[in-house]
Amino acid sequence: KNLIIYYSRKGENYWNGSVKNIAKGNTEIVAQFIQKAVGG
């Protein structure tokens, strides 16, 4: 059984050398990919 603990920042983020506003945080996206791959 898997648990995925995450903190993620939406809104203003550093992005390839500048600041960009993002609707979903990068870490949340990755956490959801983990869940999709292995469950949890």
PDB file of all heavy atoms in Angstrom:
ATOM      1  N   LYS A   1       0.852  -1.187   0.000  1.00  0.00           N
ATOM      2  CA  LYS A   1       0.000   0.000   0.000  1.00  0.00           C
ATOM      3  C   LYS A   1       0.888   1.239   0.000  1.00  0.00           C
ATOM      4  O   LYS A   1       1.855   1.324   0.753  1.00  0.00           O
ATOM      5  CB  LYS A   1      -0.918  -0.016   1.219  1.00  0.00           C
ATOM      6  CG  LYS A   1      -1.986   1.049   1.136  1.00  0.00           C
ATOM      7  CD  LYS A   1      -3.240   0.682   1.868  1.00  0.00           C
ATOM      8  CE  LYS A   1      -4.258   1.771   1.579  1.00  0.00           C
ATOM      9  NZ  LYS A   1      -5.252   1.918   2.579  1.00  0.00           N
ATOM     10  N   ASN A   2       0.533   2.191  -0.863  1.00  0.00           N
ATOM     11  CA  ASN A   2       1.363   3.380  -1.073  1.00  0.00           C
ATOM     12  C   ASN A   2       0.681   4.642  -0.558  1.00  0.00           C
ATOM     13  O   ASN A   2      -0.532   4.805  -0.702  1.00  0.00           O
ATOM     14  CB  ASN A   2       1.629   3.561  -2.572  1.00  0.00           C
ATOM     15  CG  ASN A   2       2.277   2.341  -3.183  1.00  0.00           C
ATOM     16  OD1 ASN A   2       3.261   1.821  -2.670  1.00  0.00           O
ATOM     17  ND2 ASN A   2       1.708   1.851  -4.275  1.00  0.00           N
ATOM     18  N   LEU A   3       1.497   5.528  -0.013  1.00  0.00           N
ATOM     19  CA  LEU A   3       1.063   6.848   0.423  1.00  0.00           C
ATOM     20  C   LEU A   3       1.931   7.874  -0.293  1.00  0.00           C
ATOM     21  O   LEU A   3       3.158   7.713  -0.363  1.00  0.00           O
ATOM     22  CB  LEU A   3       1.225   6.990   1.944  1.00  0.00           C
ATOM     23  CG  LEU A   3       0.967   8.374   2.541  1.00  0.00           C
ATOM     24  CD1 LEU A   3      -0.488   8.819   2.335  1.00  0.00           C
ATOM     25  CD2 LEU A   3       1.313   8.368   4.027  1.00  0.00           C
ATOM     26  N   ILE A   4       1.298   8.912  -0.804  1.00  0.00           N
ATOM     27  CA  ILE A   4       2.022   9.977  -1.502  1.00  0.00           C
ATOM     28  C   ILE A   4       1.751  11.275  -0.748  1.00  0.00           C
ATOM     29  O   ILE A   4       0.642  11.811  -0.791  1.00  0.00           O
ATOM     30  CB  ILE A   4       1.561  10.093  -2.976  1.00  0.00           C
ATOM     31  CG1 ILE A   4       1.734   8.741  -3.687  1.00  0.00           C
ATOM     32  CG2 ILE A   4       2.337  11.194  -3.693  1.00  0.00           C
ATOM     33  CD1 ILE A   4       0.571   8.342  -4.542  1.00  0.00           C
ATOM     34  N   ILE A   5       2.746  11.737  -0.004  1.00  0.00           N
ATOM     35  CA  ILE A   5       2.655  12.991   0.741  1.00  0.00           C
ATOM     36  C   ILE A   5       3.305  14.060  -0.125  1.00  0.00           C
ATOM     37  O   ILE A   5       4.430  13.878  -0.593  1.00  0.00           O
ATOM     38  CB  ILE A   5       3.412  12.890   2.086  1.00  0.00           C
ATOM     39  CG1 ILE A   5       2.807  11.807   2.978  1.00  0.00           C
ATOM     40  CG2 ILE A   5       3.435  14.238   2.800  1.00  0.00           C
ATOM     41  CD1 ILE A   5       3.618  11.520   4.245  1.00  0.00           C
ATOM     42  N   TYR A   6       2.603  15.187  -0.325  1.00  0.00           N
ATOM     43  CA  TYR A   6       3.197  16.211  -1.177  1.00  0.00           C
ATOM     44  C   TYR A   6       2.802  17.622  -0.746  1.00  0.00           C
ATOM     45  O   TYR A   6       1.746  17.844  -0.166  1.00  0.00           O
ATOM     46  CB  TYR A   6       2.814  15.994  -2.644  1.00  0.00           C
ATOM     47  CG  TYR A   6       1.380  16.343  -2.979  1.00  0.00           C
ATOM     48  CD1 TYR A   6       1.051  17.601  -3.508  1.00  0.00           C
ATOM     49  CD2 TYR A   6       0.350  15.432  -2.768  1.00  0.00           C
ATOM     50  CE1 TYR A   6      -0.265  17.932  -3.809  1.00  0.00           C
ATOM     51  CE2 TYR A   6      -0.956  15.758  -3.075  1.00  0.00           C
ATOM     52  CZ  TYR A   6      -1.261  17.010  -3.587  1.00  0.00           C
ATOM     53  OH  TYR A   6      -2.557  17.336  -3.875  1.00  0.00           O
ATOM     54  N   TYR A   7       3.689  18.540  -1.034  1.00  0.00           N
ATOM     55  CA  TYR A   7       3.394  19.974  -0.964  1.00  0.00           C
ATOM     56  C   TYR A   7       3.630  20.510  -2.373  1.00  0.00           C
ATOM     57  O   TYR A   7       4.609  20.144  -3.024  1.00  0.00           O
ATOM     58  CB  TYR A   7       4.301  20.716   0.024  1.00  0.00           C
ATOM     59  CG  TYR A   7       4.031  22.207  -0.047  1.00  0.00           C
ATOM     60  CD1 TYR A   7       3.007  22.772   0.697  1.00  0.00           C
ATOM     61  CD2 TYR A   7       4.736  23.022  -0.924  1.00  0.00           C
ATOM     62  CE1 TYR A   7       2.704  24.122   0.571  1.00  0.00           C
ATOM     63  CE2 TYR A   7       4.440  24.368  -1.059  1.00  0.00           C
ATOM     64  CZ  TYR A   7       3.425  24.909  -0.303  1.00  0.00           C
ATOM     65  OH  TYR A   7       3.109  26.233  -0.444  1.00  0.00           O
ATOM     66  N   SER A   8       2.727  21.375  -2.838  1.00  0.00           N
ATOM     67  CA  SER A   8       2.870  21.931  -4.174  1.00  0.00           C
ATOM     68  C   SER A   8       2.404  23.379  -4.174  1.00  0.00           C
ATOM     69  O   SER A   8       1.477  23.730  -3.454  1.00  0.00           O
ATOM     70  CB  SER A   8       2.034  21.098  -5.153  1.00  0.00           C
ATOM     71  OG  SER A   8       2.370  21.391  -6.486  1.00  0.00           O
ATOM     72  N   ARG A   9       3.056  24.191  -4.981  1.00  0.00           N
ATOM     73  CA  ARG A   9       2.703  25.607  -5.065  1.00  0.00           C
ATOM     74  C   ARG A   9       2.086  25.897  -6.433  1.00  0.00           C
ATOM     75  O   ARG A   9       2.716  25.688  -7.461  1.00  0.00           O
ATOM     76  CB  ARG A   9       3.951  26.475  -4.871  1.00  0.00           C
ATOM     77  CG  ARG A   9       3.675  27.971  -5.015  1.00  0.00           C
ATOM     78  CD  ARG A   9       4.928  28.795  -4.752  1.00  0.00           C
ATOM     79  NE  ARG A   9       4.786  30.163  -5.169  1.00  0.00           N
ATOM     80  CZ  ARG A   9       4.196  31.124  -4.448  1.00  0.00           C
ATOM     81  NH1 ARG A   9       3.683  30.830  -3.279  1.00  0.00           N
ATOM     82  NH2 ARG A   9       4.111  32.348  -4.905  1.00  0.00           N
ATOM     83  N   LYS A  10       0.850  26.404  -6.403  1.00  0.00           N
ATOM     84  CA  LYS A  10       0.257  26.912  -7.637  1.00  0.00           C
ATOM     85  C   LYS A  10       0.437  28.420  -7.651  1.00  0.00           C
ATOM     86  O   LYS A  10       0.908  29.000  -6.690  1.00  0.00           O
ATOM     87  CB  LYS A  10      -1.204  26.510  -7.782  1.00  0.00           C
ATOM     88  CG  LYS A  10      -1.987  26.316  -6.532  1.00  0.00           C
ATOM     89  CD  LYS A  10      -3.395  25.840  -6.774  1.00  0.00           C
ATOM     90  CE  LYS A  10      -3.897  24.608  -6.168  1.00  0.00           C
ATOM     91  NZ  LYS A  10      -3.346  23.956  -5.080  1.00  0.00           N
ATOM     92  N   GLY A  11       0.069  29.043  -8.740  1.00  0.00           N
ATOM     93  CA  GLY A  11       0.252  30.491  -8.841  1.00  0.00           C
ATOM     94  C   GLY A  11       1.628  30.806  -9.383  1.00  0.00           C
ATOM     95  O   GLY A  11       2.137  30.099 -10.258  1.00  0.00           O
ATOM     96  N   GLU A  12       2.238  31.858  -8.864  1.00  0.00           N
ATOM     97  CA  GLU A  12       3.554  32.276  -9.368  1.00  0.00           C
ATOM     98  C   GLU A  12       4.632  31.263  -9.001  1.00  0.00           C
ATOM     99  O   GLU A  12       4.790  30.915  -7.838  1.00  0.00           O
ATOM    100  CB  GLU A  12       3.939  33.652  -8.816  1.00  0.00           C
ATOM    101  CG  GLU A  12       3.157  34.784  -9.417  1.00  0.00           C
ATOM    102  CD  GLU A  12       3.697  36.154  -9.022  1.00  0.00           C
ATOM    103  OE1 GLU A  12       4.721  36.251  -8.314  1.00  0.00           O
ATOM    104  OE2 GLU A  12       3.077  37.145  -9.441  1.00  0.00           O
ATOM    105  N   ASN A  13       5.355  30.798 -10.010  1.00  0.00           N
ATOM    106  CA  ASN A  13       6.464  29.854  -9.853  1.00  0.00           C
ATOM    107  C   ASN A  13       7.606  30.267 -10.762  1.00  0.00           C
ATOM    108  O   ASN A  13       7.390  30.854 -11.823  1.00  0.00           O
ATOM    109  CB  ASN A  13       6.018  28.439 -10.246  1.00  0.00           C
ATOM    110  CG  ASN A  13       5.411  27.670  -9.116  1.00  0.00           C
ATOM    111  OD1 ASN A  13       6.080  26.898  -8.460  1.00  0.00           O
ATOM    112  ND2 ASN A  13       4.115  27.876  -8.875  1.00  0.00           N
ATOM    113  N   TYR A  14       8.809  29.892 -10.353  1.00  0.00           N
ATOM    114  CA  TYR A  14       9.975  30.098 -11.211  1.00  0.00           C
ATOM    115  C   TYR A  14       9.898  29.060 -12.309  1.00  0.00           C
ATOM    116  O   TYR A  14       9.659  27.876 -12.055  1.00  0.00           O
ATOM    117  CB  TYR A  14      11.257  29.935 -10.398  1.00  0.00           C
ATOM    118  CG  TYR A  14      12.477  30.447 -11.102  1.00  0.00           C
ATOM    119  CD1 TYR A  14      12.690  31.814 -11.255  1.00  0.00           C
ATOM    120  CD2 TYR A  14      13.413  29.568 -11.623  1.00  0.00           C
ATOM    121  CE1 TYR A  14      13.811  32.289 -11.906  1.00  0.00           C
ATOM    122  CE2 TYR A  14      14.539  30.035 -12.273  1.00  0.00           C
ATOM    123  CZ  TYR A  14      14.733  31.393 -12.413  1.00  0.00           C
ATOM    124  OH  TYR A  14      15.846  31.857 -13.061  1.00  0.00           O
ATOM    125  N   TRP A  15      10.093  29.480 -13.548  1.00  0.00           N
ATOM    126  CA  TRP A  15       9.836  28.609 -14.692  1.00  0.00           C
ATOM    127  C   TRP A  15      10.823  28.950 -15.795  1.00  0.00           C
ATOM    128  O   TRP A  15      10.681  29.960 -16.461  1.00  0.00           O
ATOM    129  CB  TRP A  15       8.402  28.861 -15.164  1.00  0.00           C
ATOM    130  CG  TRP A  15       7.872  27.924 -16.197  1.00  0.00           C
ATOM    131  CD1 TRP A  15       8.106  27.988 -17.536  1.00  0.00           C
ATOM    132  CD2 TRP A  15       7.009  26.822 -16.001  1.00  0.00           C
ATOM    133  NE1 TRP A  15       7.440  26.991 -18.174  1.00  0.00           N
ATOM    134  CE2 TRP A  15       6.742  26.253 -17.256  1.00  0.00           C
ATOM    135  CE3 TRP A  15       6.428  26.252 -14.878  1.00  0.00           C
ATOM    136  CZ2 TRP A  15       5.929  25.154 -17.421  1.00  0.00           C
ATOM    137  CZ3 TRP A  15       5.618  25.160 -15.052  1.00  0.00           C
ATOM    138  CH2 TRP A  15       5.374  24.612 -16.307  1.00  0.00           C
ATOM    139  N   ASN A  16      11.841  28.119 -15.974  1.00  0.00           N
ATOM    140  CA  ASN A  16      12.827  28.315 -17.048  1.00  0.00           C
ATOM    141  C   ASN A  16      13.381  29.741 -17.100  1.00  0.00           C
ATOM    142  O   ASN A  16      13.449  30.359 -18.149  1.00  0.00           O
ATOM    143  CB  ASN A  16      12.229  27.934 -18.412  1.00  0.00           C
ATOM    144  CG  ASN A  16      12.142  26.443 -18.599  1.00  0.00           C
ATOM    145  OD1 ASN A  16      12.909  25.680 -18.015  1.00  0.00           O
ATOM    146  ND2 ASN A  16      11.212  26.005 -19.421  1.00  0.00           N
ATOM    147  N   GLY A  17      13.743  30.273 -15.952  1.00  0.00           N
ATOM    148  CA  GLY A  17      14.414  31.565 -15.907  1.00  0.00           C
ATOM    149  C   GLY A  17      13.530  32.776 -15.695  1.00  0.00           C
ATOM    150  O   GLY A  17      14.022  33.895 -15.606  1.00  0.00           O
ATOM    151  N   SER A  18      12.226  32.569 -15.608  1.00  0.00           N
ATOM    152  CA  SER A  18      11.337  33.698 -15.322  1.00  0.00           C
ATOM    153  C   SER A  18      10.208  33.209 -14.415  1.00  0.00           C
ATOM    154  O   SER A  18      10.121  32.036 -14.090  1.00  0.00           O
ATOM    155  CB  SER A  18      10.778  34.278 -16.623  1.00  0.00           C
ATOM    156  OG  SER A  18       9.996  33.324 -17.299  1.00  0.00           O
ATOM    157  N   VAL A  19       9.345  34.128 -14.015  1.00  0.00           N
ATOM    158  CA  VAL A  19       8.221  33.768 -13.157  1.00  0.00           C
ATOM    159  C   VAL A  19       6.974  33.617 -14.022  1.00  0.00           C
ATOM    160  O   VAL A  19       6.691  34.458 -14.872  1.00  0.00           O
ATOM    161  CB  VAL A  19       8.014  34.831 -12.054  1.00  0.00           C
ATOM    162  CG1 VAL A  19       6.765  34.527 -11.241  1.00  0.00           C
ATOM    163  CG2 VAL A  19       9.236  34.886 -11.141  1.00  0.00           C
ATOM    164  N   LYS A  20       6.265  32.514 -13.797  1.00  0.00           N
ATOM    165  CA  LYS A  20       5.069  32.199 -14.582  1.00  0.00           C
ATOM    166  C   LYS A  20       3.954  31.811 -13.620  1.00  0.00           C
ATOM    167  O   LYS A  20       4.204  31.186 -12.594  1.00  0.00           O
ATOM    168  CB  LYS A  20       5.396  31.038 -15.525  1.00  0.00           C
ATOM    169  CG  LYS A  20       4.239  30.556 -16.356  1.00  0.00           C
ATOM    170  CD  LYS A  20       4.669  29.395 -17.255  1.00  0.00           C
ATOM    171  CE  LYS A  20       3.472  28.834 -18.018  1.00  0.00           C
ATOM    172  NZ  LYS A  20       3.839  27.742 -18.890  1.00  0.00           N
ATOM    173  N   ASN A  21       2.731  32.141 -13.968  1.00  0.00           N
ATOM    174  CA  ASN A  21       1.579  31.777 -13.160  1.00  0.00           C
ATOM    175  C   ASN A  21       1.053  30.432 -13.658  1.00  0.00           C
ATOM    176  O   ASN A  21       0.739  30.294 -14.839  1.00  0.00           O
ATOM    177  CB  ASN A  21       0.506  32.868 -13.297  1.00  0.00           C
ATOM    178  CG  ASN A  21      -0.449  32.859 -12.132  1.00  0.00           C
ATOM    179  OD1 ASN A  21      -0.811  31.803 -11.633  1.00  0.00           O
ATOM    180  ND2 ASN A  21      -0.861  34.031 -11.708  1.00  0.00           N
ATOM    181  N   ILE A  22       0.975  29.447 -12.751  1.00  0.00           N
ATOM    182  CA  ILE A  22       0.504  28.118 -13.142  1.00  0.00           C
ATOM    183  C   ILE A  22      -0.729  27.735 -12.319  1.00  0.00           C
ATOM    184  O   ILE A  22      -0.817  28.035 -11.132  1.00  0.00           O
ATOM    185  CB  ILE A  22       1.609  27.049 -13.038  1.00  0.00           C
ATOM    186  CG1 ILE A  22       2.183  26.949 -11.621  1.00  0.00           C
ATOM    187  CG2 ILE A  22       2.722  27.336 -14.033  1.00  0.00           C
ATOM    188  CD1 ILE A  22       3.209  25.840 -11.436  1.00  0.00           C
ATOM    189  N   ALA A  23      -1.669  27.088 -12.965  1.00  0.00           N
ATOM    190  CA  ALA A  23      -2.937  26.729 -12.322  1.00  0.00           C
ATOM    191  C   ALA A  23      -2.785  25.544 -11.370  1.00  0.00           C
ATOM    192  O   ALA A  23      -3.482  25.461 -10.364  1.00  0.00           O
ATOM    193  CB  ALA A  23      -3.987  26.411 -13.382  1.00  0.00           C
ATOM    194  N   LYS A  24      -1.886  24.624 -11.693  1.00  0.00           N
ATOM    195  CA  LYS A  24      -1.650  23.447 -10.853  1.00  0.00           C
ATOM    196  C   LYS A  24      -0.161  23.363 -10.592  1.00  0.00           C
ATOM    197  O   LYS A  24       0.640  23.470 -11.511  1.00  0.00           O
ATOM    198  CB  LYS A  24      -2.133  22.177 -11.552  1.00  0.00           C
ATOM    199  CG  LYS A  24      -1.989  20.925 -10.697  1.00  0.00           C
ATOM    200  CD  LYS A  24      -2.352  19.666 -11.464  1.00  0.00           C
ATOM    201  CE  LYS A  24      -3.808  19.378 -11.342  1.00  0.00           C
ATOM    202  NZ  LYS A  24      -4.160  18.022 -11.839  1.00  0.00           N
ATOM    203  N   GLY A  25       0.210  23.145  -9.341  1.00  0.00           N
ATOM    204  CA  GLY A  25       1.620  23.076  -8.985  1.00  0.00           C
ATOM    205  C   GLY A  25       2.326  21.889  -9.626  1.00  0.00           C
ATOM    206  O   GLY A  25       1.731  20.825  -9.840  1.00  0.00           O
ATOM    207  N   ASN A  26       3.606  22.074  -9.922  1.00  0.00           N
ATOM    208  CA  ASN A  26       4.409  21.026 -10.557  1.00  0.00           C
ATOM    209  C   ASN A  26       4.462  19.755  -9.721  1.00  0.00           C
ATOM    210  O   ASN A  26       4.374  18.642 -10.251  1.00  0.00           O
ATOM    211  CB  ASN A  26       5.831  21.538 -10.805  1.00  0.00           C
ATOM    212  CG  ASN A  26       5.858  22.733 -11.721  1.00  0.00           C
ATOM    213  OD1 ASN A  26       5.090  22.812 -12.669  1.00  0.00           O
ATOM    214  ND2 ASN A  26       6.735  23.685 -11.436  1.00  0.00           N
ATOM    215  N   THR A  27       4.613  19.902  -8.415  1.00  0.00           N
ATOM    216  CA  THR A  27       4.720  18.723  -7.560  1.00  0.00           C
ATOM    217  C   THR A  27       3.393  17.975  -7.498  1.00  0.00           C
ATOM    218  O   THR A  27       3.380  16.745  -7.459  1.00  0.00           O
ATOM    219  CB  THR A  27       5.204  19.106  -6.154  1.00  0.00           C
ATOM    220  OG1 THR A  27       6.415  19.867  -6.266  1.00  0.00           O
ATOM    221  CG2 THR A  27       5.472  17.879  -5.308  1.00  0.00           C
ATOM    222  N   GLU A  28       2.280  18.687  -7.517  1.00  0.00           N
ATOM    223  CA  GLU A  28       0.980  18.027  -7.525  1.00  0.00           C
ATOM    224  C   GLU A  28       0.824  17.183  -8.787  1.00  0.00           C
ATOM    225  O   GLU A  28       0.319  16.052  -8.735  1.00  0.00           O
ATOM    226  CB  GLU A  28      -0.146  19.060  -7.443  1.00  0.00           C
ATOM    227  CG  GLU A  28      -1.528  18.426  -7.416  1.00  0.00           C
ATOM    228  CD  GLU A  28      -2.656  19.429  -7.286  1.00  0.00           C
ATOM    229  OE1 GLU A  28      -2.409  20.651  -7.345  1.00  0.00           O
ATOM    230  OE2 GLU A  28      -3.801  18.980  -7.124  1.00  0.00           O
ATOM    231  N   ILE A  29       1.267  17.703  -9.911  1.00  0.00           N
ATOM    232  CA  ILE A  29       1.211  16.953 -11.175  1.00  0.00           C
ATOM    233  C   ILE A  29       1.995  15.648 -11.044  1.00  0.00           C
ATOM    234  O   ILE A  29       1.508  14.575 -11.384  1.00  0.00           O
ATOM    235  CB  ILE A  29       1.763  17.813 -12.338  1.00  0.00           C
ATOM    236  CG1 ILE A  29       0.808  18.975 -12.633  1.00  0.00           C
ATOM    237  CG2 ILE A  29       2.006  16.964 -13.585  1.00  0.00           C
ATOM    238  CD1 ILE A  29       1.400  20.042 -13.550  1.00  0.00           C
ATOM    239  N   VAL A  30       3.213  15.742 -10.512  1.00  0.00           N
ATOM    240  CA  VAL A  30       4.064  14.560 -10.361  1.00  0.00           C
ATOM    241  C   VAL A  30       3.455  13.577  -9.358  1.00  0.00           C
ATOM    242  O   VAL A  30       3.452  12.355  -9.590  1.00  0.00           O
ATOM    243  CB  VAL A  30       5.500  14.972  -9.972  1.00  0.00           C
ATOM    244  CG1 VAL A  30       6.351  13.762  -9.634  1.00  0.00           C
ATOM    245  CG2 VAL A  30       6.143  15.778 -11.107  1.00  0.00           C
ATOM    246  N   ALA A  31       2.920  14.083  -8.254  1.00  0.00           N
ATOM    247  CA  ALA A  31       2.285  13.210  -7.250  1.00  0.00           C
ATOM    248  C   ALA A  31       1.125  12.439  -7.870  1.00  0.00           C
ATOM    249  O   ALA A  31       0.953  11.239  -7.608  1.00  0.00           O
ATOM    250  CB  ALA A  31       1.814  14.038  -6.056  1.00  0.00           C
ATOM    251  N   GLN A  32       0.360  13.098  -8.700  1.00  0.00           N
ATOM    252  CA  GLN A  32      -0.756  12.425  -9.363  1.00  0.00           C
ATOM    253  C   GLN A  32      -0.267  11.385 -10.370  1.00  0.00           C
ATOM    254  O   GLN A  32      -0.898  10.340 -10.535  1.00  0.00           O
ATOM    255  CB  GLN A  32      -1.685  13.445 -10.016  1.00  0.00           C
ATOM    256  CG  GLN A  32      -2.448  14.248  -8.976  1.00  0.00           C
ATOM    257  CD  GLN A  32      -3.254  15.394  -9.560  1.00  0.00           C
ATOM    258  OE1 GLN A  32      -3.043  15.833 -10.685  1.00  0.00           O
ATOM    259  NE2 GLN A  32      -4.186  15.900  -8.758  1.00  0.00           N
ATOM    260  N   PHE A  33       0.860  11.641 -11.021  1.00  0.00           N
ATOM    261  CA  PHE A  33       1.448  10.633 -11.912  1.00  0.00           C
ATOM    262  C   PHE A  33       1.868   9.395 -11.129  1.00  0.00           C
ATOM    263  O   PHE A  33       1.700   8.267 -11.605  1.00  0.00           O
ATOM    264  CB  PHE A  33       2.652  11.196 -12.671  1.00  0.00           C
ATOM    265  CG  PHE A  33       2.324  12.192 -13.754  1.00  0.00           C
ATOM    266  CD1 PHE A  33       3.305  13.082 -14.199  1.00  0.00           C
ATOM    267  CD2 PHE A  33       1.076  12.263 -14.349  1.00  0.00           C
ATOM    268  CE1 PHE A  33       3.040  13.996 -15.210  1.00  0.00           C
ATOM    269  CE2 PHE A  33       0.791  13.182 -15.356  1.00  0.00           C
ATOM    270  CZ  PHE A  33       1.785  14.052 -15.787  1.00  0.00           C
ATOM    271  N   ILE A  34       2.421   9.591  -9.934  1.00  0.00           N
ATOM    272  CA  ILE A  34       2.803   8.449  -9.090  1.00  0.00           C
ATOM    273  C   ILE A  34       1.557   7.644  -8.741  1.00  0.00           C
ATOM    274  O   ILE A  34       1.539   6.416  -8.871  1.00  0.00           O
ATOM    275  CB  ILE A  34       3.522   8.921  -7.804  1.00  0.00           C
ATOM    276  CG1 ILE A  34       4.858   9.570  -8.141  1.00  0.00           C
ATOM    277  CG2 ILE A  34       3.718   7.746  -6.834  1.00  0.00           C
ATOM    278  CD1 ILE A  34       5.498  10.329  -6.984  1.00  0.00           C
ATOM    279  N   GLN A  35       0.518   8.341  -8.305  1.00  0.00           N
ATOM    280  CA  GLN A  35      -0.717   7.654  -7.930  1.00  0.00           C
ATOM    281  C   GLN A  35      -1.283   6.862  -9.109  1.00  0.00           C
ATOM    282  O   GLN A  35      -1.719   5.724  -8.950  1.00  0.00           O
ATOM    283  CB  GLN A  35      -1.746   8.659  -7.418  1.00  0.00           C
ATOM    284  CG  GLN A  35      -3.028   7.997  -6.946  1.00  0.00           C
ATOM    285  CD  GLN A  35      -4.098   8.987  -6.567  1.00  0.00           C
ATOM    286  OE1 GLN A  35      -4.302   9.984  -7.260  1.00  0.00           O
ATOM    287  NE2 GLN A  35      -4.778   8.723  -5.455  1.00  0.00           N
ATOM    288  N   LYS A  36      -1.288   7.459 -10.287  1.00  0.00           N
ATOM    289  CA  LYS A  36      -1.806   6.786 -11.481  1.00  0.00           C
ATOM    290  C   LYS A  36      -0.986   5.536 -11.809  1.00  0.00           C
ATOM    291  O   LYS A  36      -1.532   4.510 -12.216  1.00  0.00           O
ATOM    292  CB  LYS A  36      -1.795   7.761 -12.660  1.00  0.00           C
ATOM    293  CG  LYS A  36      -2.405   7.212 -13.919  1.00  0.00           C
ATOM    294  CD  LYS A  36      -2.422   8.272 -15.017  1.00  0.00           C
ATOM    295  CE  LYS A  36      -2.900   7.713 -16.341  1.00  0.00           C
ATOM    296  NZ  LYS A  36      -2.782   8.705 -17.415  1.00  0.00           N
ATOM    297  N   ALA A  37       0.331   5.610 -11.592  1.00  0.00           N
ATOM    298  CA  ALA A  37       1.226   4.500 -11.953  1.00  0.00           C
ATOM    299  C   ALA A  37       1.167   3.332 -10.984  1.00  0.00           C
ATOM    300  O   ALA A  37       1.187   2.172 -11.410  1.00  0.00           O
ATOM    301  CB  ALA A  37       2.666   5.003 -12.074  1.00  0.00           C
ATOM    302  N   VAL A  38       1.131   3.615  -9.680  1.00  0.00           N
ATOM    303  CA  VAL A  38       1.247   2.538  -8.686  1.00  0.00           C
ATOM    304  C   VAL A  38       0.104   2.504  -7.682  1.00  0.00           C
ATOM    305  O   VAL A  38       0.101   1.671  -6.773  1.00  0.00           O
ATOM    306  CB  VAL A  38       2.606   2.589  -7.940  1.00  0.00           C
ATOM    307  CG1 VAL A  38       3.759   2.376  -8.901  1.00  0.00           C
ATOM    308  CG2 VAL A  38       2.770   3.881  -7.144  1.00  0.00           C
ATOM    309  N   GLY A  39      -0.840   3.415  -7.810  1.00  0.00           N
ATOM    310  CA  GLY A  39      -1.931   3.476  -6.851  1.00  0.00           C
ATOM    311  C   GLY A  39      -1.466   4.096  -5.548  1.00  0.00           C
ATOM    312  O   GLY A  39      -0.283   4.369  -5.353  1.00  0.00           O
ATOM    313  N   GLY A  40      -2.394   4.336  -4.671  1.00  0.00           N
ATOM    314  CA  GLY A  40      -2.045   4.887  -3.372  1.00  0.00           C
ATOM    315  C   GLY A  40      -2.913   6.078  -3.008  1.00  0.00           C
ATOM    316  O   GLY A  40      -3.718   6.561  -3.809  1.00  0.00           O
TER     317      GLY A  40
END
